Amino acid sequence: MNDVLQQIDSTVKAHDVVLFMKGTPQFPMCGFSGQVVQILDYLGVDYRGVNVLDDEAVRQGIKDYANWPTIPQLYVKGEFVGGCDIIREMFQSGELASHFAEAGVSLQTSPQA
């Protein structure tokens, strides 16, 4: 495994929830990344955002890592969950919240004061 894939692998395994995205959670740089950020923020998930625009090797490497051609990509407990369309569908059906619960990831769904 090359250095970039090892870096991605260790990031995915070091955090319960990781979102590889264009931009940052505070400033998403594409609509798809922004949608996933909104969903995660709505659910109150604590996650690590990785800006693929900062490093071309990571931007290409994450596509190879998951064998998935698009960004954003969401990982939960080291497992690839999906991209924007899959995350949105899972969220709308309630499956995403269940997936987090089953993985032992706590959700803070009550509004922040």
PDB file of N, CA and C in Angstrom:
ATOM      1  N   MET A   1       0.856  -1.180   0.000  1.00  0.00           N
ATOM      2  CA  MET A   1       0.000   0.000   0.000  1.00  0.00           C
ATOM      3  C   MET A   1       0.900   1.241   0.000  1.00  0.00           C
ATOM      4  N   ASN A   2       0.609   2.183  -0.895  1.00  0.00           N
ATOM      5  CA  ASN A   2       1.475   3.355  -0.949  1.00  0.00           C
ATOM      6  C   ASN A   2       1.193   4.317   0.210  1.00  0.00           C
ATOM      7  N   ASP A   3       2.029   5.344   0.322  1.00  0.00           N
ATOM      8  CA  ASP A   3       1.955   6.260   1.462  1.00  0.00           C
ATOM      9  C   ASP A   3       0.602   6.948   1.593  1.00  0.00           C
ATOM     10  N   VAL A   4       0.041   7.396   0.452  1.00  0.00           N
ATOM     11  CA  VAL A   4      -1.236   8.107   0.501  1.00  0.00           C
ATOM     12  C   VAL A   4      -2.346   7.183   0.986  1.00  0.00           C
ATOM     13  N   LEU A   5      -2.377   5.958   0.467  1.00  0.00           N
ATOM     14  CA  LEU A   5      -3.409   5.015   0.895  1.00  0.00           C
ATOM     15  C   LEU A   5      -3.239   4.655   2.364  1.00  0.00           C
ATOM     16  N   GLN A   6      -1.999   4.545   2.829  1.00  0.00           N
ATOM     17  CA  GLN A   6      -1.761   4.281   4.257  1.00  0.00           C
ATOM     18  C   GLN A   6      -2.225   5.452   5.105  1.00  0.00           C
ATOM     19  N   GLN A   7      -1.977   6.681   4.634  1.00  0.00           N
ATOM     20  CA  GLN A   7      -2.423   7.885   5.340  1.00  0.00           C
ATOM     21  C   GLN A   7      -3.947   7.901   5.428  1.00  0.00           C
ATOM     22  N   ILE A   8      -4.624   7.607   4.321  1.00  0.00           N
ATOM     23  CA  ILE A   8      -6.088   7.562   4.293  1.00  0.00           C
ATOM     24  C   ILE A   8      -6.586   6.478   5.234  1.00  0.00           C
ATOM     25  N   ASP A   9      -5.982   5.306   5.151  1.00  0.00           N
ATOM     26  CA  ASP A   9      -6.384   4.169   5.979  1.00  0.00           C
ATOM     27  C   ASP A   9      -6.256   4.506   7.466  1.00  0.00           C
ATOM     28  N   SER A  10      -5.158   5.131   7.845  1.00  0.00           N
ATOM     29  CA  SER A  10      -4.986   5.451   9.271  1.00  0.00           C
ATOM     30  C   SER A  10      -5.968   6.534   9.716  1.00  0.00           C
ATOM     31  N   THR A  11      -6.287   7.497   8.841  1.00  0.00           N
ATOM     32  CA  THR A  11      -7.276   8.519   9.178  1.00  0.00           C
ATOM     33  C   THR A  11      -8.650   7.889   9.380  1.00  0.00           C
ATOM     34  N   VAL A  12      -9.032   7.006   8.457  1.00  0.00           N
ATOM     35  CA  VAL A  12     -10.338   6.337   8.521  1.00  0.00           C
ATOM     36  C   VAL A  12     -10.459   5.508   9.794  1.00  0.00           C
ATOM     37  N   LYS A  13      -9.368   4.871  10.193  1.00  0.00           N
ATOM     38  CA  LYS A  13      -9.410   3.998  11.366  1.00  0.00           C
ATOM     39  C   LYS A  13      -9.223   4.749  12.680  1.00  0.00           C
ATOM     40  N   ALA A  14      -8.678   5.975  12.624  1.00  0.00           N
ATOM     41  CA  ALA A  14      -8.410   6.740  13.849  1.00  0.00           C
ATOM     42  C   ALA A  14      -9.635   7.500  14.352  1.00  0.00           C
ATOM     43  N   HIS A  15     -10.637   7.690  13.491  1.00  0.00           N
ATOM     44  CA  HIS A  15     -11.818   8.468  13.852  1.00  0.00           C
ATOM     45  C   HIS A  15     -13.072   7.641  13.591  1.00  0.00           C
ATOM     46  N   ASP A  16     -14.069   7.779  14.459  1.00  0.00           N
ATOM     47  CA  ASP A  16     -15.316   7.024  14.278  1.00  0.00           C
ATOM     48  C   ASP A  16     -16.018   7.395  12.985  1.00  0.00           C
ATOM     49  N   VAL A  17     -16.034   8.691  12.667  1.00  0.00           N
ATOM     50  CA  VAL A  17     -16.730   9.168  11.468  1.00  0.00           C
ATOM     51  C   VAL A  17     -15.805  10.131  10.727  1.00  0.00           C
ATOM     52  N   VAL A  18     -15.551   9.832   9.454  1.00  0.00           N
ATOM     53  CA  VAL A  18     -14.684  10.665   8.625  1.00  0.00           C
ATOM     54  C   VAL A  18     -15.406  10.983   7.319  1.00  0.00           C
ATOM     55  N   LEU A  19     -15.379  12.258   6.946  1.00  0.00           N
ATOM     56  CA  LEU A  19     -15.956  12.686   5.677  1.00  0.00           C
ATOM     57  C   LEU A  19     -14.846  13.272   4.817  1.00  0.00           C
ATOM     58  N   PHE A  20     -14.533  12.564   3.721  1.00  0.00           N
ATOM     59  CA  PHE A  20     -13.612  13.104   2.723  1.00  0.00           C
ATOM     60  C   PHE A  20     -14.459  13.968   1.807  1.00  0.00           C
ATOM     61  N   MET A  21     -14.104  15.252   1.722  1.00  0.00           N
ATOM     62  CA  MET A  21     -14.986  16.212   1.052  1.00  0.00           C
ATOM     63  C   MET A  21     -14.172  17.284   0.340  1.00  0.00           C
ATOM     64  N   LYS A  22     -14.872  18.052  -0.483  1.00  0.00           N
ATOM     65  CA  LYS A  22     -14.267  19.221  -1.110  1.00  0.00           C
ATOM     66  C   LYS A  22     -14.581  20.408  -0.214  1.00  0.00           C
ATOM     67  N   GLY A  23     -13.525  20.992   0.361  1.00  0.00           N
ATOM     68  CA  GLY A  23     -13.690  22.063   1.326  1.00  0.00           C
ATOM     69  C   GLY A  23     -13.640  21.515   2.740  1.00  0.00           C
ATOM     70  N   THR A  24     -14.162  22.317   3.667  1.00  0.00           N
ATOM     71  CA  THR A  24     -14.170  21.936   5.076  1.00  0.00           C
ATOM     72  C   THR A  24     -15.612  21.919   5.573  1.00  0.00           C
ATOM     73  N   PRO A  25     -15.868  21.302   6.727  1.00  0.00           N
ATOM     74  CA  PRO A  25     -17.235  21.327   7.260  1.00  0.00           C
ATOM     75  C   PRO A  25     -17.773  22.759   7.415  1.00  0.00           C
ATOM     76  N   GLN A  26     -16.899  23.711   7.736  1.00  0.00           N
ATOM     77  CA  GLN A  26     -17.330  25.099   7.890  1.00  0.00           C
ATOM     78  C   GLN A  26     -17.552  25.789   6.535  1.00  0.00           C
ATOM     79  N   PHE A  27     -16.769  25.385   5.519  1.00  0.00           N
ATOM     80  CA  PHE A  27     -16.847  25.997   4.197  1.00  0.00           C
ATOM     81  C   PHE A  27     -16.794  24.936   3.100  1.00  0.00           C
ATOM     82  N   PRO A  28     -17.889  24.191   2.902  1.00  0.00           N
ATOM     83  CA  PRO A  28     -17.905  23.196   1.822  1.00  0.00           C
ATOM     84  C   PRO A  28     -17.708  23.894   0.472  1.00  0.00           C
ATOM     85  N   MET A  29     -16.933  23.261  -0.409  1.00  0.00           N
ATOM     86  CA  MET A  29     -16.607  23.860  -1.700  1.00  0.00           C
ATOM     87  C   MET A  29     -17.392  23.247  -2.855  1.00  0.00           C
ATOM     88  N   CYS A  30     -18.335  22.360  -2.552  1.00  0.00           N
ATOM     89  CA  CYS A  30     -19.231  21.861  -3.601  1.00  0.00           C
ATOM     90  C   CYS A  30     -20.572  21.515  -2.954  1.00  0.00           C
ATOM     91  N   GLY A  31     -21.606  21.520  -3.756  1.00  0.00           N
ATOM     92  CA  GLY A  31     -22.951  21.281  -3.244  1.00  0.00           C
ATOM     93  C   GLY A  31     -23.129  19.918  -2.615  1.00  0.00           C
ATOM     94  N   PHE A  32     -22.495  18.897  -3.201  1.00  0.00           N
ATOM     95  CA  PHE A  32     -22.648  17.532  -2.682  1.00  0.00           C
ATOM     96  C   PHE A  32     -22.013  17.413  -1.300  1.00  0.00           C
ATOM     97  N   SER A  33     -20.804  17.962  -1.155  1.00  0.00           N
ATOM     98  CA  SER A  33     -20.154  17.957   0.158  1.00  0.00           C
ATOM     99  C   SER A  33     -21.004  18.733   1.155  1.00  0.00           C
ATOM    100  N   GLY A  34     -21.547  19.865   0.716  1.00  0.00           N
ATOM    101  CA  GLY A  34     -22.390  20.689   1.581  1.00  0.00           C
ATOM    102  C   GLY A  34     -23.621  19.953   2.074  1.00  0.00           C
ATOM    103  N   GLN A  35     -24.237  19.151   1.193  1.00  0.00           N
ATOM    104  CA  GLN A  35     -25.425  18.390   1.594  1.00  0.00           C
ATOM    105  C   GLN A  35     -25.090  17.384   2.690  1.00  0.00           C
ATOM    106  N   VAL A  36     -23.970  16.681   2.533  1.00  0.00           N
ATOM    107  CA  VAL A  36     -23.592  15.671   3.533  1.00  0.00           C
ATOM    108  C   VAL A  36     -23.254  16.357   4.857  1.00  0.00           C
ATOM    109  N   VAL A  37     -22.558  17.491   4.797  1.00  0.00           N
ATOM    110  CA  VAL A  37     -22.257  18.260   6.011  1.00  0.00           C
ATOM    111  C   VAL A  37     -23.551  18.662   6.723  1.00  0.00           C
ATOM    112  N   GLN A  38     -24.542  19.144   5.968  1.00  0.00           N
ATOM    113  CA  GLN A  38     -25.822  19.540   6.566  1.00  0.00           C
ATOM    114  C   GLN A  38     -26.492  18.361   7.259  1.00  0.00           C
ATOM    115  N   ILE A  39     -26.458  17.195   6.638  1.00  0.00           N
ATOM    116  CA  ILE A  39     -27.071  15.999   7.219  1.00  0.00           C
ATOM    117  C   ILE A  39     -26.352  15.607   8.516  1.00  0.00           C
ATOM    118  N   LEU A  40     -25.017  15.568   8.469  1.00  0.00           N
ATOM    119  CA  LEU A  40     -24.252  15.183   9.656  1.00  0.00           C
ATOM    120  C   LEU A  40     -24.461  16.196  10.784  1.00  0.00           C
ATOM    121  N   ASP A  41     -24.470  17.477  10.420  1.00  0.00           N
ATOM    122  CA  ASP A  41     -24.691  18.510  11.442  1.00  0.00           C
ATOM    123  C   ASP A  41     -26.094  18.407  12.018  1.00  0.00           C
ATOM    124  N   TYR A  42     -27.072  18.131  11.169  1.00  0.00           N
ATOM    125  CA  TYR A  42     -28.460  17.992  11.636  1.00  0.00           C
ATOM    126  C   TYR A  42     -28.575  16.843  12.637  1.00  0.00           C
ATOM    127  N   LEU A  43     -27.903  15.734  12.329  1.00  0.00           N
ATOM    128  CA  LEU A  43     -27.939  14.573  13.225  1.00  0.00           C
ATOM    129  C   LEU A  43     -27.077  14.790  14.473  1.00  0.00           C
ATOM    130  N   GLY A  44     -26.197  15.768  14.411  1.00  0.00           N
ATOM    131  CA  GLY A  44     -25.329  16.035  15.558  1.00  0.00           C
ATOM    132  C   GLY A  44     -24.200  15.033  15.679  1.00  0.00           C
ATOM    133  N   VAL A  45     -23.688  14.584  14.537  1.00  0.00           N
ATOM    134  CA  VAL A  45     -22.601  13.604  14.531  1.00  0.00           C
ATOM    135  C   VAL A  45     -21.261  14.331  14.680  1.00  0.00           C
ATOM    136  N   ASP A  46     -20.425  13.822  15.549  1.00  0.00           N
ATOM    137  CA  ASP A  46     -19.065  14.334  15.681  1.00  0.00           C
ATOM    138  C   ASP A  46     -18.233  13.646  14.608  1.00  0.00           C
ATOM    139  N   TYR A  47     -17.677  14.405  13.676  1.00  0.00           N
ATOM    140  CA  TYR A  47     -16.934  13.793  12.571  1.00  0.00           C
ATOM    141  C   TYR A  47     -15.705  14.608  12.212  1.00  0.00           C
ATOM    142  N   ARG A  48     -14.811  13.959  11.523  1.00  0.00           N
ATOM    143  CA  ARG A  48     -13.588  14.597  11.034  1.00  0.00           C
ATOM    144  C   ARG A  48     -13.761  14.855   9.546  1.00  0.00           C
ATOM    145  N   GLY A  49     -13.621  16.105   9.136  1.00  0.00           N
ATOM    146  CA  GLY A  49     -13.670  16.453   7.722  1.00  0.00           C
ATOM    147  C   GLY A  49     -12.266  16.502   7.152  1.00  0.00           C
ATOM    148  N   VAL A  50     -12.066  15.883   5.987  1.00  0.00           N
ATOM    149  CA  VAL A  50     -10.771  15.912   5.307  1.00  0.00           C
ATOM    150  C   VAL A  50     -10.981  16.604   3.961  1.00  0.00           C
ATOM    151  N   ASN A  51     -10.301  17.724   3.764  1.00  0.00           N
ATOM    152  CA  ASN A  51     -10.432  18.505   2.542  1.00  0.00           C
ATOM    153  C   ASN A  51      -9.525  17.919   1.462  1.00  0.00           C
ATOM    154  N   VAL A  52     -10.125  17.263   0.479  1.00  0.00           N
ATOM    155  CA  VAL A  52      -9.335  16.636  -0.588  1.00  0.00           C
ATOM    156  C   VAL A  52      -8.731  17.677  -1.533  1.00  0.00           C
ATOM    157  N   LEU A  53      -9.219  18.907  -1.479  1.00  0.00           N
ATOM    158  CA  LEU A  53      -8.672  19.953  -2.342  1.00  0.00           C
ATOM    159  C   LEU A  53      -7.289  20.409  -1.869  1.00  0.00           C
ATOM    160  N   ASP A  54      -6.944  20.087  -0.614  1.00  0.00           N
ATOM    161  CA  ASP A  54      -5.632  20.450  -0.079  1.00  0.00           C
ATOM    162  C   ASP A  54      -4.507  19.598  -0.649  1.00  0.00           C
ATOM    163  N   ASP A  55      -4.835  18.415  -1.166  1.00  0.00           N
ATOM    164  CA  ASP A  55      -3.796  17.473  -1.586  1.00  0.00           C
ATOM    165  C   ASP A  55      -4.318  16.616  -2.741  1.00  0.00           C
ATOM    166  N   GLU A  56      -3.760  16.819  -3.922  1.00  0.00           N
ATOM    167  CA  GLU A  56      -4.195  16.084  -5.107  1.00  0.00           C
ATOM    168  C   GLU A  56      -4.011  14.572  -4.929  1.00  0.00           C
ATOM    169  N   ALA A  57      -2.963  14.173  -4.208  1.00  0.00           N
ATOM    170  CA  ALA A  57      -2.715  12.733  -3.993  1.00  0.00           C
ATOM    171  C   ALA A  57      -3.845  12.128  -3.153  1.00  0.00           C
ATOM    172  N   VAL A  58      -4.317  12.852  -2.146  1.00  0.00           N
ATOM    173  CA  VAL A  58      -5.431  12.364  -1.324  1.00  0.00           C
ATOM    174  C   VAL A  58      -6.717  12.375  -2.152  1.00  0.00           C
ATOM    175  N   ARG A  59      -6.882  13.403  -2.975  1.00  0.00           N
ATOM    176  CA  ARG A  59      -8.090  13.512  -3.808  1.00  0.00           C
ATOM    177  C   ARG A  59      -8.218  12.296  -4.725  1.00  0.00           C
ATOM    178  N   GLN A  60      -7.117  11.873  -5.330  1.00  0.00           N
ATOM    179  CA  GLN A  60      -7.149  10.679  -6.177  1.00  0.00           C
ATOM    180  C   GLN A  60      -7.119   9.412  -5.326  1.00  0.00           C
ATOM    181  N   GLY A  61      -6.342   9.453  -4.250  1.00  0.00           N
ATOM    182  CA  GLY A  61      -6.155   8.270  -3.415  1.00  0.00           C
ATOM    183  C   GLY A  61      -7.444   7.776  -2.775  1.00  0.00           C
ATOM    184  N   ILE A  62      -8.310   8.702  -2.363  1.00  0.00           N
ATOM    185  CA  ILE A  62      -9.558   8.280  -1.703  1.00  0.00           C
ATOM    186  C   ILE A  62     -10.459   7.553  -2.687  1.00  0.00           C
ATOM    187  N   LYS A  63     -10.395   7.933  -3.964  1.00  0.00           N
ATOM    188  CA  LYS A  63     -11.192   7.243  -4.985  1.00  0.00           C
ATOM    189  C   LYS A  63     -10.683   5.808  -5.156  1.00  0.00           C
ATOM    190  N   ASP A  64      -9.374   5.643  -5.100  1.00  0.00           N
ATOM    191  CA  ASP A  64      -8.777   4.309  -5.206  1.00  0.00           C
ATOM    192  C   ASP A  64      -9.045   3.488  -3.946  1.00  0.00           C
ATOM    193  N   TYR A  65      -8.972   4.148  -2.795  1.00  0.00           N
ATOM    194  CA  TYR A  65      -9.128   3.475  -1.503  1.00  0.00           C
ATOM    195  C   TYR A  65     -10.475   2.771  -1.409  1.00  0.00           C
ATOM    196  N   ALA A  66     -11.536   3.476  -1.802  1.00  0.00           N
ATOM    197  CA  ALA A  66     -12.887   2.910  -1.690  1.00  0.00           C
ATOM    198  C   ALA A  66     -13.364   2.283  -2.988  1.00  0.00           C
ATOM    199  N   ASN A  67     -12.568   2.451  -4.049  1.00  0.00           N
ATOM    200  CA  ASN A  67     -13.012   2.044  -5.376  1.00  0.00           C
ATOM    201  C   ASN A  67     -14.350   2.719  -5.683  1.00  0.00           C
ATOM    202  N   TRP A  68     -14.406   4.020  -5.374  1.00  0.00           N
ATOM    203  CA  TRP A  68     -15.615   4.832  -5.539  1.00  0.00           C
ATOM    204  C   TRP A  68     -15.187   6.115  -6.236  1.00  0.00           C
ATOM    205  N   PRO A  69     -15.825   6.473  -7.356  1.00  0.00           N
ATOM    206  CA  PRO A  69     -15.290   7.543  -8.206  1.00  0.00           C
ATOM    207  C   PRO A  69     -15.570   8.977  -7.758  1.00  0.00           C
ATOM    208  N   THR A  70     -16.452   9.159  -6.790  1.00  0.00           N
ATOM    209  CA  THR A  70     -16.862  10.524  -6.472  1.00  0.00           C
ATOM    210  C   THR A  70     -16.547  10.915  -5.036  1.00  0.00           C
ATOM    211  N   ILE A  71     -16.551  12.211  -4.809  1.00  0.00           N
ATOM    212  CA  ILE A  71     -16.358  12.815  -3.496  1.00  0.00           C
ATOM    213  C   ILE A  71     -17.583  13.694  -3.278  1.00  0.00           C
ATOM    214  N   PRO A  72     -18.185  13.700  -2.111  1.00  0.00           N
ATOM    215  CA  PRO A  72     -17.691  13.236  -0.809  1.00  0.00           C
ATOM    216  C   PRO A  72     -17.844  11.729  -0.592  1.00  0.00           C
ATOM    217  N   GLN A  73     -17.092  11.259   0.394  1.00  0.00           N
ATOM    218  CA  GLN A  73     -17.176   9.865   0.826  1.00  0.00           C
ATOM    219  C   GLN A  73     -17.236   9.854   2.355  1.00  0.00           C
ATOM    220  N   LEU A  74     -18.211   9.103   2.884  1.00  0.00           N
ATOM    221  CA  LEU A  74     -18.392   9.016   4.335  1.00  0.00           C
ATOM    222  C   LEU A  74     -17.968   7.641   4.840  1.00  0.00           C
ATOM    223  N   TYR A  75     -17.169   7.657   5.906  1.00  0.00           N
ATOM    224  CA  TYR A  75     -16.714   6.426   6.554  1.00  0.00           C
ATOM    225  C   TYR A  75     -17.187   6.428   7.998  1.00  0.00           C
ATOM    226  N   VAL A  76     -17.701   5.288   8.442  1.00  0.00           N
ATOM    227  CA  VAL A  76     -18.126   5.117   9.824  1.00  0.00           C
ATOM    228  C   VAL A  76     -17.428   3.889  10.380  1.00  0.00           C
ATOM    229  N   LYS A  77     -16.690   4.092  11.450  1.00  0.00           N
ATOM    230  CA  LYS A  77     -15.944   3.004  12.112  1.00  0.00           C
ATOM    231  C   LYS A  77     -15.083   2.232  11.095  1.00  0.00           C
ATOM    232  N   GLY A  78     -14.425   2.980  10.215  1.00  0.00           N
ATOM    233  CA  GLY A  78     -13.511   2.368   9.248  1.00  0.00           C
ATOM    234  C   GLY A  78     -14.173   1.796   8.021  1.00  0.00           C
ATOM    235  N   GLU A  79     -15.486   1.879   7.942  1.00  0.00           N
ATOM    236  CA  GLU A  79     -16.218   1.271   6.825  1.00  0.00           C
ATOM    237  C   GLU A  79     -16.802   2.352   5.912  1.00  0.00           C
ATOM    238  N   PHE A  80     -16.611   2.189   4.605  1.00  0.00           N
ATOM    239  CA  PHE A  80     -17.172   3.121   3.632  1.00  0.00           C
ATOM    240  C   PHE A  80     -18.688   2.972   3.610  1.00  0.00           C
ATOM    241  N   VAL A  81     -19.402   4.082   3.813  1.00  0.00           N
ATOM    242  CA  VAL A  81     -20.864   4.055   3.815  1.00  0.00           C
ATOM    243  C   VAL A  81     -21.406   4.489   2.461  1.00  0.00           C
ATOM    244  N   GLY A  82     -20.890   5.577   1.907  1.00  0.00           N
ATOM    245  CA  GLY A  82     -21.362   6.010   0.599  1.00  0.00           C
ATOM    246  C   GLY A  82     -21.038   7.450   0.314  1.00  0.00           C
ATOM    247  N   GLY A  83     -21.529   7.895  -0.840  1.00  0.00           N
ATOM    248  CA  GLY A  83     -21.384   9.279  -1.260  1.00  0.00           C
ATOM    249  C   GLY A  83     -22.659  10.043  -0.991  1.00  0.00           C
ATOM    250  N   CYS A  84     -22.775  11.205  -1.597  1.00  0.00           N
ATOM    251  CA  CYS A  84     -23.881  12.120  -1.313  1.00  0.00           C
ATOM    252  C   CYS A  84     -25.254  11.479  -1.531  1.00  0.00           C
ATOM    253  N   ASP A  85     -25.496  10.870  -2.675  1.00  0.00           N
ATOM    254  CA  ASP A  85     -26.821  10.314  -2.973  1.00  0.00           C
ATOM    255  C   ASP A  85     -27.211   9.228  -1.974  1.00  0.00           C
ATOM    256  N   ILE A  86     -26.274   8.350  -1.674  1.00  0.00           N
ATOM    257  CA  ILE A  86     -26.545   7.252  -0.732  1.00  0.00           C
ATOM    258  C   ILE A  86     -26.810   7.802   0.661  1.00  0.00           C
ATOM    259  N   ILE A  87     -25.987   8.752   1.094  1.00  0.00           N
ATOM    260  CA  ILE A  87     -26.157   9.340   2.430  1.00  0.00           C
ATOM    261  C   ILE A  87     -27.506  10.045   2.521  1.00  0.00           C
ATOM    262  N   ARG A  88     -27.872  10.791   1.481  1.00  0.00           N
ATOM    263  CA  ARG A  88     -29.154  11.514   1.479  1.00  0.00           C
ATOM    264  C   ARG A  88     -30.322  10.524   1.551  1.00  0.00           C
ATOM    265  N   GLU A  89     -30.263   9.452   0.758  1.00  0.00           N
ATOM    266  CA  GLU A  89     -31.333   8.448   0.779  1.00  0.00           C
ATOM    267  C   GLU A  89     -31.416   7.766   2.139  1.00  0.00           C
ATOM    268  N   MET A  90     -30.259   7.430   2.714  1.00  0.00           N
ATOM    269  CA  MET A  90     -30.244   6.783   4.032  1.00  0.00           C
ATOM    270  C   MET A  90     -30.798   7.721   5.101  1.00  0.00           C
ATOM    271  N   PHE A  91     -30.469   9.007   4.988  1.00  0.00           N
ATOM    272  CA  PHE A  91     -30.963   9.991   5.947  1.00  0.00           C
ATOM    273  C   PHE A  91     -32.485  10.116   5.851  1.00  0.00           C
ATOM    274  N   GLN A  92     -32.998  10.230   4.626  1.00  0.00           N
ATOM    275  CA  GLN A  92     -34.437  10.417   4.429  1.00  0.00           C
ATOM    276  C   GLN A  92     -35.239   9.214   4.914  1.00  0.00           C
ATOM    277  N   SER A  93     -34.674   8.024   4.797  1.00  0.00           N
ATOM    278  CA  SER A  93     -35.389   6.811   5.216  1.00  0.00           C
ATOM    279  C   SER A  93     -35.214   6.514   6.705  1.00  0.00           C
ATOM    280  N   GLY A  94     -34.320   7.261   7.369  1.00  0.00           N
ATOM    281  CA  GLY A  94     -34.029   6.991   8.779  1.00  0.00           C
ATOM    282  C   GLY A  94     -32.938   5.957   8.971  1.00  0.00           C
ATOM    283  N   GLU A  95     -32.470   5.379   7.867  1.00  0.00           N
ATOM    284  CA  GLU A  95     -31.466   4.321   7.934  1.00  0.00           C
ATOM    285  C   GLU A  95     -30.111   4.849   8.412  1.00  0.00           C
ATOM    286  N   LEU A  96     -29.795   6.109   8.088  1.00  0.00           N
ATOM    287  CA  LEU A  96     -28.491   6.658   8.471  1.00  0.00           C
ATOM    288  C   LEU A  96     -28.368   6.767   9.994  1.00  0.00           C
ATOM    289  N   ALA A  97     -29.403   7.299  10.645  1.00  0.00           N
ATOM    290  CA  ALA A  97     -29.376   7.403  12.107  1.00  0.00           C
ATOM    291  C   ALA A  97     -29.251   6.012  12.732  1.00  0.00           C
ATOM    292  N   SER A  98     -29.967   5.039  12.174  1.00  0.00           N
ATOM    293  CA  SER A  98     -29.872   3.654  12.670  1.00  0.00           C
ATOM    294  C   SER A  98     -28.467   3.109  12.484  1.00  0.00           C
ATOM    295  N   HIS A  99     -27.861   3.408  11.330  1.00  0.00           N
ATOM    296  CA  HIS A  99     -26.502   2.926  11.043  1.00  0.00           C
ATOM    297  C   HIS A  99     -25.517   3.480  12.074  1.00  0.00           C
ATOM    298  N   PHE A 100     -25.635   4.779  12.379  1.00  0.00           N
ATOM    299  CA  PHE A 100     -24.762   5.374  13.397  1.00  0.00           C
ATOM    300  C   PHE A 100     -24.993   4.716  14.748  1.00  0.00           C
ATOM    301  N   ALA A 101     -26.257   4.502  15.117  1.00  0.00           N
ATOM    302  CA  ALA A 101     -26.579   3.894  16.406  1.00  0.00           C
ATOM    303  C   ALA A 101     -25.998   2.483  16.504  1.00  0.00           C
ATOM    304  N   GLU A 102     -26.166   1.705  15.437  1.00  0.00           N
ATOM    305  CA  GLU A 102     -25.647   0.332  15.425  1.00  0.00           C
ATOM    306  C   GLU A 102     -24.123   0.304  15.504  1.00  0.00           C
ATOM    307  N   ALA A 103     -23.490   1.345  14.948  1.00  0.00           N
ATOM    308  CA  ALA A 103     -22.021   1.419  14.978  1.00  0.00           C
ATOM    309  C   ALA A 103     -21.514   1.989  16.297  1.00  0.00           C
ATOM    310  N   GLY A 104     -22.440   2.407  17.166  1.00  0.00           N
ATOM    311  CA  GLY A 104     -22.044   2.963  18.461  1.00  0.00           C
ATOM    312  C   GLY A 104     -21.625   4.413  18.391  1.00  0.00           C
ATOM    313  N   VAL A 105     -22.073   5.132  17.345  1.00  0.00           N
ATOM    314  CA  VAL A 105     -21.773   6.561  17.205  1.00  0.00           C
ATOM    315  C   VAL A 105     -22.954   7.339  17.764  1.00  0.00           C
ATOM    316  N   SER A 106     -22.685   8.190  18.752  1.00  0.00           N
ATOM    317  CA  SER A 106     -23.789   8.917  19.388  1.00  0.00           C
ATOM    318  C   SER A 106     -24.215  10.104  18.520  1.00  0.00           C
ATOM    319  N   LEU A 107     -25.508  10.378  18.576  1.00  0.00           N
ATOM    320  CA  LEU A 107     -26.084  11.496  17.843  1.00  0.00           C
ATOM    321  C   LEU A 107     -26.580  12.526  18.834  1.00  0.00           C
ATOM    322  N   GLN A 108     -26.401  13.777  18.499  1.00  0.00           N
ATOM    323  CA  GLN A 108     -26.866  14.880  19.331  1.00  0.00           C
ATOM    324  C   GLN A 108     -27.958  15.590  18.534  1.00  0.00           C
ATOM    325  N   THR A 109     -29.148  14.978  18.485  1.00  0.00           N
ATOM    326  CA  THR A 109     -30.204  15.501  17.624  1.00  0.00           C
ATOM    327  C   THR A 109     -30.998  16.635  18.253  1.00  0.00           C
ATOM    328  N   SER A 110     -30.838  16.866  19.549  1.00  0.00           N
ATOM    329  CA  SER A 110     -31.572  17.984  20.141  1.00  0.00           C
ATOM    330  C   SER A 110     -30.900  19.289  19.730  1.00  0.00           C
ATOM    331  N   PRO A 111     -31.691  20.347  19.539  1.00  0.00           N
ATOM    332  CA  PRO A 111     -31.112  21.632  19.102  1.00  0.00           C
ATOM    333  C   PRO A 111     -30.089  22.156  20.107  1.00  0.00           C
ATOM    334  N   GLN A 112     -29.046  22.747  19.571  1.00  0.00           N
ATOM    335  CA  GLN A 112     -28.017  23.330  20.433  1.00  0.00           C
ATOM    336  C   GLN A 112     -28.535  24.651  20.997  1.00  0.00           C
ATOM    337  N   ALA A 113     -28.312  24.869  22.282  1.00  0.00           N
ATOM    338  CA  ALA A 113     -28.783  26.114  22.917  1.00  0.00           C
ATOM    339  C   ALA A 113     -27.862  27.264  22.571  1.00  0.00           C
TER     340      ALA A 113
END
